[in-house]
Amino acid sequence: ESLDWEDQDKISITTAALMTASDLGAVTKPWPVQRKIAGLVAEEFWYQGDLEKAVLSAPLVPMMDRELRQELPRLQVGFCDGVCLPVYRALACLSPALQSMEEAVMFNRDRWAELAENN
């Protein structure tokens, strides 16, 4: 089904999905690049978590808790399944040219799953 360019609601949703896909783009990169970027993002989250723990004494969500860093592969699987794949699957429905991005997410998700199993 092609996009109805007269339907402003669908255009708005599609635009939002494309912006989200742009934000999530690292998950579509080749595995060595994806793994490195995920590690850099995790370091940023852990740094923020360290600050929140020190300043606010607040409980942390798992992805921001440096003490749970061994859980990164499992958390990445959940991120791919719950956030990334729904976006890229929806976009792949709009154009076969976008199918390769969904496939790249699946490939990387499977690598994270392998790491999680071996953890």
PDB file of N, CA and C in Angstrom:
ATOM      1  N   GLU A   1       0.858  -1.175   0.000  1.00  0.00           N
ATOM      2  CA  GLU A   1       0.000   0.000   0.000  1.00  0.00           C
ATOM      3  C   GLU A   1       0.900   1.233   0.000  1.00  0.00           C
ATOM      4  N   SER A   2       0.618   2.165  -0.890  1.00  0.00           N
ATOM      5  CA  SER A   2       1.427   3.370  -0.955  1.00  0.00           C
ATOM      6  C   SER A   2       0.883   4.419   0.014  1.00  0.00           C
ATOM      7  N   LEU A   3       1.706   5.384   0.290  1.00  0.00           N
ATOM      8  CA  LEU A   3       1.345   6.441   1.215  1.00  0.00           C
ATOM      9  C   LEU A   3       0.403   7.430   0.540  1.00  0.00           C
ATOM     10  N   ASP A   4      -0.669   7.757   1.217  1.00  0.00           N
ATOM     11  CA  ASP A   4      -1.631   8.750   0.728  1.00  0.00           C
ATOM     12  C   ASP A   4      -1.119  10.133   1.126  1.00  0.00           C
ATOM     13  N   TRP A   5      -0.586  10.862   0.164  1.00  0.00           N
ATOM     14  CA  TRP A   5       0.013  12.166   0.432  1.00  0.00           C
ATOM     15  C   TRP A   5      -1.007  13.239   0.769  1.00  0.00           C
ATOM     16  N   GLU A   6      -2.272  12.904   0.660  1.00  0.00           N
ATOM     17  CA  GLU A   6      -3.340  13.844   1.025  1.00  0.00           C
ATOM     18  C   GLU A   6      -3.769  13.685   2.483  1.00  0.00           C
ATOM     19  N   ASP A   7      -3.400  12.583   3.106  1.00  0.00           N
ATOM     20  CA  ASP A   7      -3.792  12.286   4.484  1.00  0.00           C
ATOM     21  C   ASP A   7      -2.729  12.825   5.443  1.00  0.00           C
ATOM     22  N   GLN A   8      -3.006  13.992   6.026  1.00  0.00           N
ATOM     23  CA  GLN A   8      -2.019  14.664   6.881  1.00  0.00           C
ATOM     24  C   GLN A   8      -1.664  13.842   8.124  1.00  0.00           C
ATOM     25  N   ASP A   9      -2.611  13.077   8.661  1.00  0.00           N
ATOM     26  CA  ASP A   9      -2.306  12.238   9.820  1.00  0.00           C
ATOM     27  C   ASP A   9      -1.272  11.176   9.456  1.00  0.00           C
ATOM     28  N   LYS A  10      -1.468  10.538   8.304  1.00  0.00           N
ATOM     29  CA  LYS A  10      -0.510   9.507   7.871  1.00  0.00           C
ATOM     30  C   LYS A  10       0.845  10.117   7.536  1.00  0.00           C
ATOM     31  N   ILE A  11       0.834  11.295   6.949  1.00  0.00           N
ATOM     32  CA  ILE A  11       2.095  11.975   6.644  1.00  0.00           C
ATOM     33  C   ILE A  11       2.826  12.304   7.948  1.00  0.00           C
ATOM     34  N   SER A  12       2.104  12.776   8.932  1.00  0.00           N
ATOM     35  CA  SER A  12       2.692  13.122  10.225  1.00  0.00           C
ATOM     36  C   SER A  12       3.283  11.886  10.904  1.00  0.00           C
ATOM     37  N   ILE A  13       2.545  10.795  10.897  1.00  0.00           N
ATOM     38  CA  ILE A  13       3.030   9.556  11.515  1.00  0.00           C
ATOM     39  C   ILE A  13       4.255   9.029  10.767  1.00  0.00           C
ATOM     40  N   THR A  14       4.218   9.081   9.458  1.00  0.00           N
ATOM     41  CA  THR A  14       5.353   8.617   8.658  1.00  0.00           C
ATOM     42  C   THR A  14       6.586   9.474   8.924  1.00  0.00           C
ATOM     43  N   THR A  15       6.390  10.771   8.995  1.00  0.00           N
ATOM     44  CA  THR A  15       7.499  11.683   9.286  1.00  0.00           C
ATOM     45  C   THR A  15       8.093  11.374  10.657  1.00  0.00           C
ATOM     46  N   ALA A  16       7.234  11.147  11.643  1.00  0.00           N
ATOM     47  CA  ALA A  16       7.710  10.813  12.987  1.00  0.00           C
ATOM     48  C   ALA A  16       8.490   9.497  12.972  1.00  0.00           C
ATOM     49  N   ALA A  17       7.996   8.517  12.228  1.00  0.00           N
ATOM     50  CA  ALA A  17       8.686   7.225  12.139  1.00  0.00           C
ATOM     51  C   ALA A  17      10.048   7.384  11.468  1.00  0.00           C
ATOM     52  N   LEU A  18      10.123   8.215  10.443  1.00  0.00           N
ATOM     53  CA  LEU A  18      11.400   8.450   9.774  1.00  0.00           C
ATOM     54  C   LEU A  18      12.390   9.172  10.689  1.00  0.00           C
ATOM     55  N   MET A  19      11.900  10.114  11.470  1.00  0.00           N
ATOM     56  CA  MET A  19      12.768  10.807  12.421  1.00  0.00           C
ATOM     57  C   MET A  19      13.270   9.836  13.496  1.00  0.00           C
ATOM     58  N   THR A  20      12.382   8.982  13.976  1.00  0.00           N
ATOM     59  CA  THR A  20      12.781   7.982  14.964  1.00  0.00           C
ATOM     60  C   THR A  20      13.804   7.029  14.370  1.00  0.00           C
ATOM     61  N   ALA A  21      13.559   6.591  13.125  1.00  0.00           N
ATOM     62  CA  ALA A  21      14.513   5.705  12.453  1.00  0.00           C
ATOM     63  C   ALA A  21      15.878   6.371  12.321  1.00  0.00           C
ATOM     64  N   SER A  22      15.886   7.668  12.081  1.00  0.00           N
ATOM     65  CA  SER A  22      17.157   8.396  11.998  1.00  0.00           C
ATOM     66  C   SER A  22      17.871   8.385  13.342  1.00  0.00           C
ATOM     67  N   ASP A  23      17.124   8.595  14.415  1.00  0.00           N
ATOM     68  CA  ASP A  23      17.708   8.570  15.756  1.00  0.00           C
ATOM     69  C   ASP A  23      18.272   7.190  16.105  1.00  0.00           C
ATOM     70  N   LEU A  24      17.615   6.157  15.610  1.00  0.00           N
ATOM     71  CA  LEU A  24      17.996   4.779  15.929  1.00  0.00           C
ATOM     72  C   LEU A  24      18.968   4.188  14.920  1.00  0.00           C
ATOM     73  N   GLY A  25      19.410   4.967  13.971  1.00  0.00           N
ATOM     74  CA  GLY A  25      20.168   4.475  12.823  1.00  0.00           C
ATOM     75  C   GLY A  25      21.375   3.618  13.148  1.00  0.00           C
ATOM     76  N   ALA A  26      22.003   3.819  14.287  1.00  0.00           N
ATOM     77  CA  ALA A  26      23.196   3.032  14.613  1.00  0.00           C
ATOM     78  C   ALA A  26      22.899   1.540  14.667  1.00  0.00           C
ATOM     79  N   VAL A  27      21.676   1.190  15.005  1.00  0.00           N
ATOM     80  CA  VAL A  27      21.316  -0.227  15.127  1.00  0.00           C
ATOM     81  C   VAL A  27      21.244  -0.919  13.763  1.00  0.00           C
ATOM     82  N   THR A  28      21.305  -0.144  12.676  1.00  0.00           N
ATOM     83  CA  THR A  28      21.271  -0.711  11.323  1.00  0.00           C
ATOM     84  C   THR A  28      22.668  -0.824  10.717  1.00  0.00           C
ATOM     85  N   LYS A  29      23.671  -0.393  11.435  1.00  0.00           N
ATOM     86  CA  LYS A  29      25.045  -0.396  10.913  1.00  0.00           C
ATOM     87  C   LYS A  29      25.650  -1.796  10.986  1.00  0.00           C
ATOM     88  N   PRO A  30      26.742  -2.030  10.270  1.00  0.00           N
ATOM     89  CA  PRO A  30      27.433  -3.324  10.389  1.00  0.00           C
ATOM     90  C   PRO A  30      27.770  -3.623  11.854  1.00  0.00           C
ATOM     91  N   TRP A  31      27.759  -4.901  12.205  1.00  0.00           N
ATOM     92  CA  TRP A  31      27.900  -5.327  13.595  1.00  0.00           C
ATOM     93  C   TRP A  31      29.059  -4.660  14.337  1.00  0.00           C
ATOM     94  N   PRO A  32      30.281  -4.600  13.817  1.00  0.00           N
ATOM     95  CA  PRO A  32      31.354  -3.974  14.603  1.00  0.00           C
ATOM     96  C   PRO A  32      31.051  -2.507  14.944  1.00  0.00           C
ATOM     97  N   VAL A  33      30.441  -1.798  14.021  1.00  0.00           N
ATOM     98  CA  VAL A  33      30.089  -0.397  14.247  1.00  0.00           C
ATOM     99  C   VAL A  33      28.947  -0.324  15.263  1.00  0.00           C
ATOM    100  N   GLN A  34      27.936  -1.154  15.093  1.00  0.00           N
ATOM    101  CA  GLN A  34      26.787  -1.158  16.003  1.00  0.00           C
ATOM    102  C   GLN A  34      27.235  -1.454  17.425  1.00  0.00           C
ATOM    103  N   ARG A  35      28.096  -2.439  17.578  1.00  0.00           N
ATOM    104  CA  ARG A  35      28.561  -2.815  18.922  1.00  0.00           C
ATOM    105  C   ARG A  35      29.343  -1.671  19.568  1.00  0.00           C
ATOM    106  N   LYS A  36      30.203  -1.022  18.794  1.00  0.00           N
ATOM    107  CA  LYS A  36      30.991   0.096  19.332  1.00  0.00           C
ATOM    108  C   LYS A  36      30.082   1.252  19.739  1.00  0.00           C
ATOM    109  N   ILE A  37      29.127   1.608  18.884  1.00  0.00           N
ATOM    110  CA  ILE A  37      28.228   2.720  19.197  1.00  0.00           C
ATOM    111  C   ILE A  37      27.374   2.393  20.421  1.00  0.00           C
ATOM    112  N   ALA A  38      26.890   1.166  20.504  1.00  0.00           N
ATOM    113  CA  ALA A  38      26.095   0.771  21.675  1.00  0.00           C
ATOM    114  C   ALA A  38      26.924   0.898  22.949  1.00  0.00           C
ATOM    115  N   GLY A  39      28.210   0.542  22.880  1.00  0.00           N
ATOM    116  CA  GLY A  39      29.087   0.692  24.038  1.00  0.00           C
ATOM    117  C   GLY A  39      29.286   2.146  24.434  1.00  0.00           C
ATOM    118  N   LEU A  40      29.419   3.013  23.437  1.00  0.00           N
ATOM    119  CA  LEU A  40      29.574   4.446  23.719  1.00  0.00           C
ATOM    120  C   LEU A  40      28.304   5.028  24.337  1.00  0.00           C
ATOM    121  N   VAL A  41      27.159   4.637  23.808  1.00  0.00           N
ATOM    122  CA  VAL A  41      25.887   5.109  24.363  1.00  0.00           C
ATOM    123  C   VAL A  41      25.713   4.583  25.786  1.00  0.00           C
ATOM    124  N   ALA A  42      26.057   3.313  25.991  1.00  0.00           N
ATOM    125  CA  ALA A  42      25.950   2.735  27.332  1.00  0.00           C
ATOM    126  C   ALA A  42      26.835   3.500  28.315  1.00  0.00           C
ATOM    127  N   GLU A  43      28.053   3.840  27.898  1.00  0.00           N
ATOM    128  CA  GLU A  43      28.932   4.620  28.774  1.00  0.00           C
ATOM    129  C   GLU A  43      28.291   5.949  29.151  1.00  0.00           C
ATOM    130  N   GLU A  44      27.644   6.594  28.201  1.00  0.00           N
ATOM    131  CA  GLU A  44      26.954   7.860  28.483  1.00  0.00           C
ATOM    132  C   GLU A  44      25.828   7.647  29.483  1.00  0.00           C
ATOM    133  N   PHE A  45      25.047   6.585  29.292  1.00  0.00           N
ATOM    134  CA  PHE A  45      23.954   6.278  30.222  1.00  0.00           C
ATOM    135  C   PHE A  45      24.497   5.967  31.607  1.00  0.00           C
ATOM    136  N   TRP A  46      25.574   5.180  31.677  1.00  0.00           N
ATOM    137  CA  TRP A  46      26.141   4.815  32.969  1.00  0.00           C
ATOM    138  C   TRP A  46      26.683   6.046  33.692  1.00  0.00           C
ATOM    139  N   TYR A  47      27.289   6.953  32.948  1.00  0.00           N
ATOM    140  CA  TYR A  47      27.774   8.197  33.549  1.00  0.00           C
ATOM    141  C   TYR A  47      26.606   8.976  34.156  1.00  0.00           C
ATOM    142  N   GLN A  48      25.524   9.082  33.406  1.00  0.00           N
ATOM    143  CA  GLN A  48      24.343   9.773  33.929  1.00  0.00           C
ATOM    144  C   GLN A  48      23.813   9.050  35.162  1.00  0.00           C
ATOM    145  N   GLY A  49      23.783   7.721  35.101  1.00  0.00           N
ATOM    146  CA  GLY A  49      23.333   6.942  36.249  1.00  0.00           C
ATOM    147  C   GLY A  49      24.214   7.151  37.469  1.00  0.00           C
ATOM    148  N   ASP A  50      25.532   7.233  37.257  1.00  0.00           N
ATOM    149  CA  ASP A  50      26.458   7.506  38.359  1.00  0.00           C
ATOM    150  C   ASP A  50      26.113   8.838  39.019  1.00  0.00           C
ATOM    151  N   LEU A  51      25.842   9.851  38.184  1.00  0.00           N
ATOM    152  CA  LEU A  51      25.489  11.169  38.718  1.00  0.00           C
ATOM    153  C   LEU A  51      24.172  11.119  39.487  1.00  0.00           C
ATOM    154  N   GLU A  52      23.177  10.450  38.911  1.00  0.00           N
ATOM    155  CA  GLU A  52      21.878  10.361  39.582  1.00  0.00           C
ATOM    156  C   GLU A  52      21.994   9.616  40.909  1.00  0.00           C
ATOM    157  N   LYS A  53      22.798   8.570  40.928  1.00  0.00           N
ATOM    158  CA  LYS A  53      22.980   7.806  42.166  1.00  0.00           C
ATOM    159  C   LYS A  53      23.667   8.666  43.225  1.00  0.00           C
ATOM    160  N   ALA A  54      24.693   9.418  42.817  1.00  0.00           N
ATOM    161  CA  ALA A  54      25.458  10.235  43.763  1.00  0.00           C
ATOM    162  C   ALA A  54      24.681  11.451  44.244  1.00  0.00           C
ATOM    163  N   VAL A  55      23.987  12.111  43.336  1.00  0.00           N
ATOM    164  CA  VAL A  55      23.329  13.365  43.675  1.00  0.00           C
ATOM    165  C   VAL A  55      21.916  13.160  44.210  1.00  0.00           C
ATOM    166  N   LEU A  56      21.178  12.269  43.585  1.00  0.00           N
ATOM    167  CA  LEU A  56      19.762  12.106  43.930  1.00  0.00           C
ATOM    168  C   LEU A  56      19.491  10.896  44.817  1.00  0.00           C
ATOM    169  N   SER A  57      20.468  10.012  44.938  1.00  0.00           N
ATOM    170  CA  SER A  57      20.268   8.747  45.643  1.00  0.00           C
ATOM    171  C   SER A  57      19.017   8.044  45.136  1.00  0.00           C
ATOM    172  N   ALA A  58      18.784   8.186  43.843  1.00  0.00           N
ATOM    173  CA  ALA A  58      17.581   7.611  43.235  1.00  0.00           C
ATOM    174  C   ALA A  58      17.873   6.218  42.711  1.00  0.00           C
ATOM    175  N   PRO A  59      16.864   5.326  42.763  1.00  0.00           N
ATOM    176  CA  PRO A  59      17.048   4.022  42.131  1.00  0.00           C
ATOM    177  C   PRO A  59      17.183   4.214  40.619  1.00  0.00           C
ATOM    178  N   LEU A  60      18.005   3.394  40.012  1.00  0.00           N
ATOM    179  CA  LEU A  60      18.295   3.541  38.592  1.00  0.00           C
ATOM    180  C   LEU A  60      17.548   2.508  37.761  1.00  0.00           C
ATOM    181  N   VAL A  61      17.185   2.905  36.547  1.00  0.00           N
ATOM    182  CA  VAL A  61      16.687   1.922  35.589  1.00  0.00           C
ATOM    183  C   VAL A  61      17.898   1.093  35.164  1.00  0.00           C
ATOM    184  N   PRO A  62      17.701  -0.179  34.824  1.00  0.00           N
ATOM    185  CA  PRO A  62      18.838  -1.063  34.534  1.00  0.00           C
ATOM    186  C   PRO A  62      19.817  -0.518  33.497  1.00  0.00           C
ATOM    187  N   MET A  63      19.329   0.115  32.449  1.00  0.00           N
ATOM    188  CA  MET A  63      20.253   0.560  31.403  1.00  0.00           C
ATOM    189  C   MET A  63      21.171   1.691  31.863  1.00  0.00           C
ATOM    190  N   MET A  64      20.867   2.299  33.014  1.00  0.00           N
ATOM    191  CA  MET A  64      21.704   3.388  33.516  1.00  0.00           C
ATOM    192  C   MET A  64      22.548   2.970  34.712  1.00  0.00           C
ATOM    193  N   ASP A  65      22.471   1.709  35.073  1.00  0.00           N
ATOM    194  CA  ASP A  65      23.180   1.206  36.245  1.00  0.00           C
ATOM    195  C   ASP A  65      24.467   0.500  35.813  1.00  0.00           C
ATOM    196  N   ARG A  66      25.590   1.163  36.063  1.00  0.00           N
ATOM    197  CA  ARG A  66      26.894   0.631  35.676  1.00  0.00           C
ATOM    198  C   ARG A  66      27.141  -0.757  36.283  1.00  0.00           C
ATOM    199  N   GLU A  67      26.578  -1.009  37.443  1.00  0.00           N
ATOM    200  CA  GLU A  67      26.781  -2.303  38.093  1.00  0.00           C
ATOM    201  C   GLU A  67      26.112  -3.442  37.320  1.00  0.00           C
ATOM    202  N   LEU A  68      25.236  -3.109  36.394  1.00  0.00           N
ATOM    203  CA  LEU A  68      24.562  -4.124  35.571  1.00  0.00           C
ATOM    204  C   LEU A  68      25.109  -4.155  34.146  1.00  0.00           C
ATOM    205  N   ARG A  69      26.330  -3.658  33.953  1.00  0.00           N
ATOM    206  CA  ARG A  69      26.883  -3.572  32.596  1.00  0.00           C
ATOM    207  C   ARG A  69      26.971  -4.923  31.894  1.00  0.00           C
ATOM    208  N   GLN A  70      27.088  -6.002  32.653  1.00  0.00           N
ATOM    209  CA  GLN A  70      27.121  -7.331  32.042  1.00  0.00           C
ATOM    210  C   GLN A  70      25.777  -7.672  31.387  1.00  0.00           C
ATOM    211  N   GLU A  71      24.742  -6.914  31.714  1.00  0.00           N
ATOM    212  CA  GLU A  71      23.410  -7.126  31.140  1.00  0.00           C
ATOM    213  C   GLU A  71      23.203  -6.374  29.826  1.00  0.00           C
ATOM    214  N   LEU A  72      24.210  -5.640  29.366  1.00  0.00           N
ATOM    215  CA  LEU A  72      24.055  -4.849  28.139  1.00  0.00           C
ATOM    216  C   LEU A  72      23.540  -5.678  26.967  1.00  0.00           C
ATOM    217  N   PRO A  73      24.085  -6.864  26.696  1.00  0.00           N
ATOM    218  CA  PRO A  73      23.546  -7.629  25.557  1.00  0.00           C
ATOM    219  C   PRO A  73      22.055  -7.936  25.696  1.00  0.00           C
ATOM    220  N   ARG A  74      21.622  -8.335  26.878  1.00  0.00           N
ATOM    221  CA  ARG A  74      20.203  -8.633  27.091  1.00  0.00           C
ATOM    222  C   ARG A  74      19.351  -7.372  26.930  1.00  0.00           C
ATOM    223  N   LEU A  75      19.835  -6.263  27.459  1.00  0.00           N
ATOM    224  CA  LEU A  75      19.110  -5.003  27.320  1.00  0.00           C
ATOM    225  C   LEU A  75      19.028  -4.573  25.861  1.00  0.00           C
ATOM    226  N   GLN A  76      20.093  -4.816  25.099  1.00  0.00           N
ATOM    227  CA  GLN A  76      20.088  -4.466  23.673  1.00  0.00           C
ATOM    228  C   GLN A  76      19.077  -5.311  22.895  1.00  0.00           C
ATOM    229  N   VAL A  77      18.951  -6.584  23.256  1.00  0.00           N
ATOM    230  CA  VAL A  77      17.940  -7.427  22.616  1.00  0.00           C
ATOM    231  C   VAL A  77      16.558  -6.830  22.859  1.00  0.00           C
ATOM    232  N   GLY A  78      16.279  -6.463  24.102  1.00  0.00           N
ATOM    233  CA  GLY A  78      14.992  -5.852  24.425  1.00  0.00           C
ATOM    234  C   GLY A  78      14.772  -4.542  23.694  1.00  0.00           C
ATOM    235  N   PHE A  79      15.821  -3.742  23.552  1.00  0.00           N
ATOM    236  CA  PHE A  79      15.736  -2.475  22.828  1.00  0.00           C
ATOM    237  C   PHE A  79      15.420  -2.725  21.354  1.00  0.00           C
ATOM    238  N   CYS A  80      16.100  -3.696  20.767  1.00  0.00           N
ATOM    239  CA  CYS A  80      15.826  -4.034  19.361  1.00  0.00           C
ATOM    240  C   CYS A  80      14.390  -4.527  19.193  1.00  0.00           C
ATOM    241  N   ASP A  81      13.975  -5.435  20.064  1.00  0.00           N
ATOM    242  CA  ASP A  81      12.634  -6.014  19.950  1.00  0.00           C
ATOM    243  C   ASP A  81      11.528  -5.003  20.217  1.00  0.00           C
ATOM    244  N   GLY A  82      11.716  -4.189  21.235  1.00  0.00           N
ATOM    245  CA  GLY A  82      10.629  -3.312  21.674  1.00  0.00           C
ATOM    246  C   GLY A  82      10.590  -1.939  21.029  1.00  0.00           C
ATOM    247  N   VAL A  83      11.733  -1.474  20.544  1.00  0.00           N
ATOM    248  CA  VAL A  83      11.791  -0.114  20.003  1.00  0.00           C
ATOM    249  C   VAL A  83      12.169  -0.112  18.523  1.00  0.00           C
ATOM    250  N   CYS A  84      13.290  -0.707  18.209  1.00  0.00           N
ATOM    251  CA  CYS A  84      13.837  -0.588  16.849  1.00  0.00           C
ATOM    252  C   CYS A  84      13.061  -1.379  15.802  1.00  0.00           C
ATOM    253  N   LEU A  85      12.841  -2.642  16.047  1.00  0.00           N
ATOM    254  CA  LEU A  85      12.173  -3.474  15.035  1.00  0.00           C
ATOM    255  C   LEU A  85      10.784  -2.987  14.663  1.00  0.00           C
ATOM    256  N   PRO A  86       9.951  -2.575  15.616  1.00  0.00           N
ATOM    257  CA  PRO A  86       8.641  -2.064  15.200  1.00  0.00           C
ATOM    258  C   PRO A  86       8.743  -0.871  14.235  1.00  0.00           C
ATOM    259  N   VAL A  87       9.701   0.010  14.472  1.00  0.00           N
ATOM    260  CA  VAL A  87       9.873   1.175  13.592  1.00  0.00           C
ATOM    261  C   VAL A  87      10.331   0.735  12.207  1.00  0.00           C
ATOM    262  N   TYR A  88      11.358  -0.086  12.149  1.00  0.00           N
ATOM    263  CA  TYR A  88      11.903  -0.481  10.850  1.00  0.00           C
ATOM    264  C   TYR A  88      10.978  -1.434  10.099  1.00  0.00           C
ATOM    265  N   ARG A  89      10.220  -2.242  10.814  1.00  0.00           N
ATOM    266  CA  ARG A  89       9.216  -3.092  10.137  1.00  0.00           C
ATOM    267  C   ARG A  89       8.139  -2.235   9.483  1.00  0.00           C
ATOM    268  N   ALA A  90       7.680  -1.224  10.208  1.00  0.00           N
ATOM    269  CA  ALA A  90       6.653  -0.330   9.658  1.00  0.00           C
ATOM    270  C   ALA A  90       7.181   0.389   8.423  1.00  0.00           C
ATOM    271  N   LEU A  91       8.414   0.859   8.490  1.00  0.00           N
ATOM    272  CA  LEU A  91       8.980   1.559   7.338  1.00  0.00           C
ATOM    273  C   LEU A  91       9.206   0.619   6.156  1.00  0.00           C
ATOM    274  N   ALA A  92       9.583  -0.620   6.438  1.00  0.00           N
ATOM    275  CA  ALA A  92       9.785  -1.589   5.358  1.00  0.00           C
ATOM    276  C   ALA A  92       8.477  -1.879   4.631  1.00  0.00           C
ATOM    277  N   CYS A  93       7.369  -1.737   5.327  1.00  0.00           N
ATOM    278  CA  CYS A  93       6.066  -1.914   4.679  1.00  0.00           C
ATOM    279  C   CYS A  93       5.789  -0.799   3.670  1.00  0.00           C
ATOM    280  N   LEU A  94       6.371   0.358   3.892  1.00  0.00           N
ATOM    281  CA  LEU A  94       6.179   1.486   2.981  1.00  0.00           C
ATOM    282  C   LEU A  94       6.987   1.351   1.700  1.00  0.00           C
ATOM    283  N   SER A  95       8.161   0.764   1.828  1.00  0.00           N
ATOM    284  CA  SER A  95       9.030   0.659   0.657  1.00  0.00           C
ATOM    285  C   SER A  95       9.946  -0.549   0.783  1.00  0.00           C
ATOM    286  N   PRO A  96       9.988  -1.380  -0.248  1.00  0.00           N
ATOM    287  CA  PRO A  96      10.919  -2.517  -0.231  1.00  0.00           C
ATOM    288  C   PRO A  96      12.380  -2.066  -0.095  1.00  0.00           C
ATOM    289  N   ALA A  97      12.681  -0.851  -0.497  1.00  0.00           N
ATOM    290  CA  ALA A  97      14.046  -0.340  -0.385  1.00  0.00           C
ATOM    291  C   ALA A  97      14.485  -0.210   1.070  1.00  0.00           C
ATOM    292  N   LEU A  98      13.534  -0.146   1.986  1.00  0.00           N
ATOM    293  CA  LEU A  98      13.850  -0.002   3.407  1.00  0.00           C
ATOM    294  C   LEU A  98      13.955  -1.352   4.125  1.00  0.00           C
ATOM    295  N   GLN A  99      13.669  -2.422   3.430  1.00  0.00           N
ATOM    296  CA  GLN A  99      13.710  -3.772   4.011  1.00  0.00           C
ATOM    297  C   GLN A  99      15.102  -4.103   4.549  1.00  0.00           C
ATOM    298  N   SER A 100      16.136  -3.632   3.874  1.00  0.00           N
ATOM    299  CA  SER A 100      17.496  -3.970   4.305  1.00  0.00           C
ATOM    300  C   SER A 100      17.806  -3.407   5.695  1.00  0.00           C
ATOM    301  N   MET A 101      17.173  -2.310   6.061  1.00  0.00           N
ATOM    302  CA  MET A 101      17.407  -1.756   7.402  1.00  0.00           C
ATOM    303  C   MET A 101      16.781  -2.650   8.462  1.00  0.00           C
ATOM    304  N   GLU A 102      15.584  -3.156   8.194  1.00  0.00           N
ATOM    305  CA  GLU A 102      14.962  -4.103   9.130  1.00  0.00           C
ATOM    306  C   GLU A 102      15.834  -5.346   9.270  1.00  0.00           C
ATOM    307  N   GLU A 103      16.344  -5.834   8.156  1.00  0.00           N
ATOM    308  CA  GLU A 103      17.203  -7.022   8.186  1.00  0.00           C
ATOM    309  C   GLU A 103      18.482  -6.765   8.981  1.00  0.00           C
ATOM    310  N   ALA A 104      19.035  -5.569   8.853  1.00  0.00           N
ATOM    311  CA  ALA A 104      20.245  -5.223   9.608  1.00  0.00           C
ATOM    312  C   ALA A 104      19.966  -5.204  11.110  1.00  0.00           C
ATOM    313  N   VAL A 105      18.814  -4.679  11.499  1.00  0.00           N
ATOM    314  CA  VAL A 105      18.440  -4.684  12.916  1.00  0.00           C
ATOM    315  C   VAL A 105      18.324  -6.126  13.409  1.00  0.00           C
ATOM    316  N   MET A 106      17.682  -6.972  12.628  1.00  0.00           N
ATOM    317  CA  MET A 106      17.534  -8.386  13.021  1.00  0.00           C
ATOM    318  C   MET A 106      18.896  -9.058  13.165  1.00  0.00           C
ATOM    319  N   PHE A 107      19.793  -8.788  12.221  1.00  0.00           N
ATOM    320  CA  PHE A 107      21.131  -9.374  12.291  1.00  0.00           C
ATOM    321  C   PHE A 107      21.828  -8.952  13.589  1.00  0.00           C
ATOM    322  N   ASN A 108      21.811  -7.646  13.872  1.00  0.00           N
ATOM    323  CA  ASN A 108      22.469  -7.154  15.085  1.00  0.00           C
ATOM    324  C   ASN A 108      21.771  -7.642  16.343  1.00  0.00           C
ATOM    325  N   ARG A 109      20.453  -7.706  16.312  1.00  0.00           N
ATOM    326  CA  ARG A 109      19.697  -8.229  17.453  1.00  0.00           C
ATOM    327  C   ARG A 109      20.130  -9.664  17.758  1.00  0.00           C
ATOM    328  N   ASP A 110      20.315 -10.442  16.707  1.00  0.00           N
ATOM    329  CA  ASP A 110      20.728 -11.835  16.894  1.00  0.00           C
ATOM    330  C   ASP A 110      22.142 -11.926  17.458  1.00  0.00           C
ATOM    331  N   ARG A 111      23.026 -11.005  17.078  1.00  0.00           N
ATOM    332  CA  ARG A 111      24.380 -10.988  17.659  1.00  0.00           C
ATOM    333  C   ARG A 111      24.298 -10.658  19.148  1.00  0.00           C
ATOM    334  N   TRP A 112      23.456  -9.683  19.516  1.00  0.00           N
ATOM    335  CA  TRP A 112      23.273  -9.357  20.938  1.00  0.00           C
ATOM    336  C   TRP A 112      22.712 -10.552  21.694  1.00  0.00           C
ATOM    337  N   ALA A 113      21.779 -11.267  21.072  1.00  0.00           N
ATOM    338  CA  ALA A 113      21.194 -12.445  21.719  1.00  0.00           C
ATOM    339  C   ALA A 113      22.241 -13.516  21.972  1.00  0.00           C
ATOM    340  N   GLU A 114      23.146 -13.711  21.015  1.00  0.00           N
ATOM    341  CA  GLU A 114      24.244 -14.674  21.193  1.00  0.00           C
ATOM    342  C   GLU A 114      25.125 -14.272  22.369  1.00  0.00           C
ATOM    343  N   LEU A 115      25.444 -12.985  22.456  1.00  0.00           N
ATOM    344  CA  LEU A 115      26.264 -12.505  23.584  1.00  0.00           C
ATOM    345  C   LEU A 115      25.520 -12.683  24.909  1.00  0.00           C
ATOM    346  N   ALA A 116      24.224 -12.418  24.913  1.00  0.00           N
ATOM    347  CA  ALA A 116      23.428 -12.561  26.132  1.00  0.00           C
ATOM    348  C   ALA A 116      23.414 -14.023  26.591  1.00  0.00           C
ATOM    349  N   GLU A 117      23.300 -14.942  25.641  1.00  0.00           N
ATOM    350  CA  GLU A 117      23.279 -16.367  25.984  1.00  0.00           C
ATOM    351  C   GLU A 117      24.601 -16.821  26.571  1.00  0.00           C
ATOM    352  N   ASN A 118      25.695 -16.232  26.096  1.00  0.00           N
ATOM    353  CA  ASN A 118      27.030 -16.625  26.559  1.00  0.00           C
ATOM    354  C   ASN A 118      27.470 -15.873  27.800  1.00  0.00           C
ATOM    355  N   ASN A 119      26.614 -14.978  28.293  1.00  0.00           N
ATOM    356  CA  ASN A 119      26.937 -14.168  29.463  1.00  0.00           C
ATOM    357  C   ASN A 119      26.794 -14.962  30.730  1.00  0.00           C
TER     358      ASN A 119
END
